[in-house]
């Protein structure tokens, strides 16, 4: 599972800045809310992946 977490962490760290940029440029309130939810989920998933990749969780 370590390779899975490494790939997940890499993907999320690579894509989070793009989501942040989209949030900064968005003018539509519904789309802004959707992007903010996506960002929150991505950050939470990244936190979990970092935690489990260090062997502190159970898989």
Protein backbone atom coordinates (compact mmCIF):
# COMPACT_ATOMS: atom_id res chain seq x y z
CA UNK A 1 0.00 0.00 0.00
CA UNK A 2 2.95 2.35 0.36
CA UNK A 3 3.19 2.91 -3.39
CA UNK A 4 -0.52 3.73 -3.48
CA UNK A 5 -0.11 6.42 -0.83
CA UNK A 6 2.98 7.83 -2.53
CA UNK A 7 1.10 8.17 -5.81
CA UNK A 8 -1.93 9.65 -4.08
CA UNK A 9 0.19 12.18 -2.21
CA UNK A 10 2.03 13.14 -5.39
CA UNK A 11 -1.24 13.60 -7.30
CA UNK A 12 -2.90 15.68 -4.59
CA UNK A 13 0.14 17.89 -4.05
CA UNK A 14 0.35 18.44 -7.79
CA UNK A 15 -3.35 19.25 -8.28
CA UNK A 16 -4.15 21.30 -5.16
CA UNK A 17 -2.48 24.48 -6.50
CA UNK A 18 -4.63 24.27 -9.64
CA UNK A 19 -7.78 24.07 -7.52
CA UNK A 20 -6.57 27.03 -5.44
CA UNK A 21 -5.99 29.04 -8.62
CA UNK A 22 -9.44 28.15 -9.94
CA UNK A 23 -10.99 29.30 -6.65
CA UNK A 24 -9.16 32.63 -6.89
CA UNK A 25 -10.42 33.21 -10.42
CA UNK A 26 -14.00 31.96 -10.04
CA UNK A 27 -16.81 34.51 -10.03
CA UNK A 28 -19.85 32.23 -9.98
CA UNK A 29 -20.95 31.56 -6.40
CA UNK A 30 -22.24 28.00 -7.02
CA UNK A 31 -19.01 27.06 -8.81
CA UNK A 32 -16.94 28.72 -6.07
CA UNK A 33 -18.72 26.66 -3.42
CA UNK A 34 -18.17 23.47 -5.45
CA UNK A 35 -14.46 24.23 -5.83
CA UNK A 36 -14.09 25.00 -2.13
CA UNK A 37 -15.68 21.66 -1.27
CA UNK A 38 -13.34 19.88 -3.67
CA UNK A 39 -10.35 21.65 -2.08
CA UNK A 40 -11.49 20.67 1.41
CA UNK A 41 -11.91 17.02 0.39
CA UNK A 42 -8.53 16.97 -1.34
CA UNK A 43 -6.81 18.46 1.73
CA UNK A 44 -8.48 15.95 4.02
CA UNK A 45 -7.53 13.07 1.74
CA UNK A 46 -3.94 14.38 1.60
CA UNK A 47 -3.80 14.56 5.41
CA UNK A 48 -5.03 10.97 5.70
CA UNK A 49 -2.63 9.74 3.01
CA UNK A 50 0.33 11.42 4.72
CA UNK A 51 -0.70 9.90 8.06
CA UNK A 52 -1.12 6.37 6.69
CA UNK A 53 1.99 6.51 4.51
CA UNK A 54 4.07 6.96 7.65
CA UNK A 55 2.71 3.68 9.00
CA UNK A 56 0.68 5.25 11.79
CA UNK A 57 -2.64 3.96 10.54
CA UNK A 58 -4.04 0.60 9.74
CA UNK A 59 -5.02 -0.45 6.26
